[in-house]
Amino acid sequence: MSAAVSAADFKSGDKIIISSEVEENLYIAAQDIDIRAVIRGDLTVAAEIVSINDTVMEDLIVAASEVKINAYIGDDVKIASGELSVTDRVHGDLIVFTGKAQLYADAVIEGDLIVFGGEITVEGKVEGNLKVYGGSVNLQGSIGGEVEIKAGEVNIGSEVRGPATITAESIQLNEGAMFYSSVDYWQEAGELDFGPYMQSGTATFNNALKVDGADSKYLGLGAIAFWVLITLSVFLTVFVFLLLFGSSFSKAGELITAD
């Protein structure tokens, strides 16, 4: 049975559906969260599953096992999740700590995309810079800015407009790969023929990019520390807020449907 609760109430362990427009910032912690109405402020949530199916006009901050972004986000996005999928436009930067991330063909990141994860696929468009630290990286879309990748396996079939620095166990260049600026790279197998894929600039095998076991398998300690900080900030933002204010909030007219 569904019940109406106020927009800033905390419903632990419930499925919460936002079905009416929210004018201000919204903070939610629940097991399952489904956004089906416009959020005109920031949205900060912690849950098992989060589905964003309508516009968030300001920042989006999420800590969850699974996150689905299927609507426009009007500012920056910070995600800590086991799995992430994006099918729409993000106006700002997208910063992600995840086990698996997929940006589908319709996804557009107008700012920078920064990802720390195990398996990363980009089929959409990144208008800013791309920084990826992961186990496997698959690029099939287009990157408008600079590229920095530190990973195990890297597969590239995308257009890269800015200079690129790629460090990996292996690099595979596929049909559709086009580089319009310089490429600095290192892989365990040595030099790779970038010739057919270079529209301008040059590709240089740079042994100075080589990493060893002390660098945590292609992830520098600085990168790991950065992502730990991001993850902690997500949880602290939600739970400190709830600790201070609990369920005492009431915003009349802003309804949540809670199962």
Protein backbone atom coordinates (compact mmCIF):
# COMPACT_ATOMS: atom_id res chain seq x y z
CA MET A 1 0.00 0.00 0.00
CA SER A 2 1.25 3.49 -0.82
CA ALA A 3 1.37 6.38 1.60
CA ALA A 4 2.09 10.06 1.09
CA VAL A 5 4.98 11.52 3.06
CA SER A 6 6.67 14.91 3.01
CA ALA A 7 9.50 15.60 0.59
CA ALA A 8 12.34 15.66 3.12
CA ASP A 9 11.18 12.78 5.30
CA PHE A 10 13.48 9.80 5.80
CA LYS A 11 11.92 6.38 5.05
CA SER A 12 14.46 3.75 5.97
CA GLY A 13 14.13 0.41 4.18
CA ASP A 14 11.26 1.54 1.93
CA LYS A 15 10.84 2.13 -1.76
CA ILE A 16 10.37 5.86 -2.28
CA ILE A 17 8.90 7.33 -5.46
CA ILE A 18 9.10 11.07 -6.05
CA SER A 19 5.98 11.75 -8.08
CA SER A 20 5.49 15.50 -7.56
CA GLU A 21 7.83 18.38 -8.40
CA VAL A 22 10.21 19.45 -5.62
CA GLU A 23 11.22 23.13 -5.53
CA GLU A 24 14.19 22.92 -3.15
CA ASN A 25 17.07 20.60 -2.29
CA LEU A 26 16.03 17.01 -1.56
CA TYR A 27 17.78 14.45 0.69
CA ILE A 28 16.66 10.81 0.75
CA ALA A 29 17.93 7.55 2.24
CA ALA A 30 16.00 4.37 1.43
CA GLN A 31 16.37 0.94 -0.10
CA ASP A 32 14.90 1.80 -3.51
CA ILE A 33 14.50 5.35 -4.86
CA ASP A 34 12.70 6.30 -8.08
CA ILE A 35 12.68 9.94 -9.22
CA ARG A 36 9.69 10.58 -11.51
CA ALA A 37 9.26 14.34 -11.08
CA VAL A 38 11.44 17.42 -11.54
CA ILE A 39 13.82 18.29 -8.68
CA ARG A 40 14.65 22.00 -8.93
CA GLY A 41 17.43 21.95 -6.33
CA ASP A 42 20.21 19.50 -5.47
CA LEU A 43 19.38 15.82 -5.04
CA THR A 44 21.39 13.78 -2.53
CA VAL A 45 20.46 10.13 -2.00
CA ALA A 46 21.73 6.90 -0.47
CA ALA A 47 20.05 3.62 -1.43
CA GLU A 48 20.42 0.13 -2.85
CA ILE A 49 18.86 1.11 -6.20
CA VAL A 50 18.43 4.64 -7.57
CA SER A 51 16.58 5.46 -10.80
CA ILE A 52 16.59 9.04 -12.08
CA ASN A 53 13.69 9.27 -14.55
CA ASP A 54 13.05 13.02 -14.49
CA THR A 55 15.11 16.22 -14.48
CA VAL A 56 17.39 17.24 -11.62
CA MET A 57 18.14 20.92 -12.13
CA GLU A 58 21.18 21.21 -9.83
CA ASP A 59 23.79 18.78 -8.42
CA LEU A 60 23.18 15.05 -8.09
CA ILE A 61 25.04 13.10 -5.37
CA VAL A 62 24.37 9.37 -5.02
CA ALA A 63 25.68 6.45 -2.99
CA ALA A 64 24.02 3.21 -4.12
CA SER A 65 24.59 -0.33 -5.35
CA GLU A 66 22.94 0.44 -8.69
CA VAL A 67 22.30 3.84 -10.31
CA LYS A 68 20.36 4.55 -13.50
CA ILE A 69 20.41 8.09 -14.90
CA ASN A 70 17.70 8.33 -17.56
CA ALA A 71 17.01 12.08 -17.43
CA TYR A 72 18.72 15.47 -17.74
CA ILE A 73 20.99 16.62 -14.89
CA GLY A 74 21.50 20.38 -14.77
CA ASP A 75 24.81 20.54 -12.92
CA ASP A 76 27.56 18.25 -11.59
CA VAL A 77 27.08 14.58 -10.72
CA LYS A 78 29.03 12.58 -8.11
CA ILE A 79 28.32 8.87 -7.92
CA ALA A 80 29.59 6.06 -5.69
CA SER A 81 28.00 2.82 -6.91
CA GLY A 82 28.45 -0.81 -7.79
CA GLU A 83 26.92 -0.28 -11.21
CA LEU A 84 26.04 2.88 -13.19
CA SER A 85 24.22 3.48 -16.46
CA VAL A 86 23.64 6.85 -18.15
CA THR A 87 21.28 7.43 -21.09
CA ASP A 88 20.75 11.22 -21.01
CA ARG A 89 22.59 14.56 -20.76
CA VAL A 90 24.67 15.86 -17.84
CA HIS A 91 25.24 19.61 -18.03
CA GLY A 92 28.27 19.62 -15.71
CA ASP A 93 30.97 17.15 -14.72
CA LEU A 94 30.32 13.47 -14.02
CA ILE A 95 32.58 12.01 -11.33
CA VAL A 96 32.13 8.30 -10.68
CA PHE A 97 33.48 5.61 -8.35
CA THR A 98 31.96 2.33 -9.55
CA GLY A 99 32.48 -1.35 -10.28
CA LYS A 100 30.87 -1.05 -13.70
CA ALA A 101 29.87 2.06 -15.66
CA GLN A 102 28.17 2.34 -19.04
CA LEU A 103 27.37 5.56 -20.90
CA TYR A 104 24.98 4.64 -23.69
CA ALA A 105 24.93 6.20 -27.16
CA ASP A 106 22.43 8.94 -26.20
CA ALA A 107 24.44 10.04 -23.16
CA VAL A 108 26.17 13.44 -23.36
CA ILE A 109 28.54 14.77 -20.69
CA GLU A 110 28.96 18.50 -21.28
CA GLY A 111 31.74 18.82 -18.71
CA ASP A 112 34.49 16.38 -17.73
CA LEU A 113 34.02 12.66 -17.16
CA ILE A 114 36.18 11.22 -14.37
CA VAL A 115 35.75 7.52 -13.63
CA PHE A 116 37.40 5.13 -11.21
CA GLY A 117 36.02 1.65 -11.80
CA GLY A 118 36.48 -1.94 -12.81
CA GLU A 119 34.71 -1.99 -16.19
CA ILE A 120 33.98 1.21 -18.13
CA THR A 121 32.18 1.62 -21.46
CA VAL A 122 31.62 5.00 -23.14
CA GLU A 123 29.34 4.87 -26.20
CA GLY A 124 28.09 8.44 -25.89
CA LYS A 125 29.70 11.89 -26.12
CA VAL A 126 32.04 13.59 -23.65
CA GLU A 127 32.45 17.26 -24.56
CA GLY A 128 35.09 17.95 -21.91
CA ASN A 129 38.06 15.93 -20.71
CA LEU A 130 38.06 12.20 -19.95
CA LYS A 131 40.02 10.72 -17.06
CA VAL A 132 39.62 6.99 -16.43
CA TYR A 133 41.31 4.75 -13.88
CA GLY A 134 40.02 1.22 -14.24
CA GLY A 135 40.43 -2.43 -15.02
CA SER A 136 39.00 -2.37 -18.55
CA VAL A 137 38.04 0.63 -20.68
CA ASN A 138 35.98 0.53 -23.87
CA LEU A 139 35.61 3.82 -25.79
CA GLN A 140 33.16 3.88 -28.70
CA GLY A 141 31.77 7.43 -28.60
CA SER A 142 33.52 10.79 -28.97
CA ILE A 143 35.78 12.77 -26.62
CA GLY A 144 36.06 16.52 -27.18
CA GLY A 145 38.86 17.28 -24.73
CA GLU A 146 41.96 15.66 -23.29
CA VAL A 147 42.16 11.97 -22.42
CA GLU A 148 44.04 10.36 -19.54
CA ILE A 149 43.65 6.62 -19.03
CA LYS A 150 45.34 4.24 -16.59
CA ALA A 151 43.89 0.77 -16.96
CA GLY A 152 44.43 -2.91 -17.60
CA GLU A 153 42.78 -3.35 -21.00
CA VAL A 154 41.89 -0.41 -23.25
CA ASN A 155 39.79 -0.72 -26.41
CA ILE A 156 39.37 2.44 -28.48
CA GLY A 157 36.96 2.92 -31.36
CA SER A 158 36.14 6.55 -30.63
CA GLU A 159 37.00 10.02 -31.89
CA VAL A 160 39.47 11.80 -29.58
CA ARG A 161 39.91 15.53 -30.23
CA GLY A 162 42.38 16.47 -27.51
CA PRO A 163 45.81 15.13 -26.56
CA ALA A 164 45.76 11.65 -25.01
CA THR A 165 47.91 9.87 -22.42
CA ILE A 166 47.22 6.14 -22.15
CA THR A 167 48.88 3.66 -19.80
CA ALA A 168 47.66 0.06 -19.97
CA GLU A 169 48.52 -3.60 -20.00
CA SER A 170 47.14 -3.72 -23.54
CA ILE A 171 45.74 -1.19 -26.02
CA GLN A 172 43.46 -2.24 -28.89
CA LEU A 173 42.62 0.23 -31.68
CA ASN A 174 39.34 -0.58 -33.42
CA GLU A 175 37.38 0.67 -36.41
CA GLY A 176 36.19 4.23 -35.77
CA ALA A 177 39.23 5.27 -33.73
CA MET A 178 40.42 8.75 -34.77
CA PHE A 179 42.97 10.93 -32.99
CA TYR A 180 43.22 14.64 -33.77
CA SER A 181 46.10 15.52 -31.44
CA SER A 182 49.21 13.97 -29.89
CA VAL A 183 49.11 10.58 -28.16
CA ASP A 184 51.55 9.49 -25.46
CA TYR A 185 51.13 5.81 -24.59
CA TRP A 186 52.62 2.77 -22.93
CA GLN A 187 51.54 -0.87 -23.01
CA GLU A 188 53.29 -4.06 -21.93
CA ALA A 189 53.62 -5.35 -25.52
CA GLY A 190 55.57 -2.28 -26.59
CA GLU A 191 54.96 -0.02 -29.59
CA LEU A 192 51.64 0.02 -31.44
CA ASP A 193 50.90 1.25 -34.96
CA PHE A 194 48.67 4.33 -34.51
CA GLY A 195 49.37 5.48 -38.09
CA PRO A 196 46.01 4.64 -39.73
CA TYR A 197 44.14 6.28 -36.84
CA MET A 198 46.07 9.57 -36.58
CA GLN A 199 44.20 12.42 -38.28
CA SER A 200 46.79 14.90 -37.01
CA GLY A 201 49.54 14.94 -34.41
CA THR A 202 51.86 12.06 -33.59
CA ALA A 203 51.74 8.95 -31.37
CA THR A 204 54.73 8.33 -29.10
CA PHE A 205 55.56 5.21 -27.11
CA ASN A 206 56.70 6.68 -23.79
CA ASN A 207 58.51 4.29 -21.48
CA ALA A 208 58.36 6.89 -18.70
CA LEU A 209 54.64 6.07 -18.36
CA LYS A 210 55.43 2.50 -17.33
CA VAL A 211 54.05 1.48 -13.96
CA ASP A 212 54.87 -1.42 -11.67
CA GLY A 213 53.20 -3.35 -8.85
CA ALA A 214 53.86 -0.54 -6.39
CA ASP A 215 51.39 1.60 -8.33
CA SER A 216 48.43 -0.60 -7.38
CA LYS A 217 47.88 -2.13 -10.83
CA TYR A 218 47.58 1.01 -12.94
CA LEU A 219 45.93 3.06 -10.22
CA GLY A 220 48.21 5.51 -8.42
CA LEU A 221 47.80 5.92 -4.68
CA GLY A 222 46.77 9.52 -5.28
CA ALA A 223 43.87 8.39 -7.45
CA ILE A 224 42.75 5.83 -4.87
CA ALA A 225 42.89 8.42 -2.08
CA PHE A 226 40.88 10.85 -4.21
CA TRP A 227 38.13 8.34 -4.81
CA VAL A 228 38.00 7.26 -1.18
CA LEU A 229 37.47 10.93 -0.33
CA ILE A 230 34.67 11.24 -2.89
CA THR A 231 32.96 8.10 -1.56
CA LEU A 232 33.14 9.23 2.03
CA SER A 233 31.83 12.68 1.17
CA VAL A 234 28.77 11.16 -0.50
CA PHE A 235 27.83 9.10 2.57
CA LEU A 236 28.63 11.85 5.01
CA THR A 237 26.53 14.40 3.14
CA VAL A 238 23.47 12.16 3.41
CA PHE A 239 23.84 10.68 6.86
CA VAL A 240 25.12 13.73 8.74
CA PHE A 241 22.14 15.62 7.36
CA LEU A 242 19.76 12.90 8.54
CA LEU A 243 21.49 12.63 11.92
CA LEU A 244 21.06 16.35 12.52
CA PHE A 245 17.51 16.69 11.28
CA GLY A 246 16.02 13.20 11.23
CA SER A 247 12.45 12.89 10.05
CA SER A 248 11.32 16.22 11.48
CA PHE A 249 11.17 17.94 8.11
CA SER A 250 7.86 18.75 6.52
CA LYS A 251 7.41 20.47 3.18
CA ALA A 252 3.72 20.74 2.47
CA GLY A 253 2.68 20.09 -1.09
CA GLU A 254 5.79 18.11 -2.04
CA LEU A 255 4.71 14.47 -2.00
CA ILE A 256 6.60 11.21 -2.00
CA THR A 257 4.87 7.88 -2.56
CA ALA A 258 6.40 5.30 -0.23
CA ASP A 259 5.55 1.61 -0.55
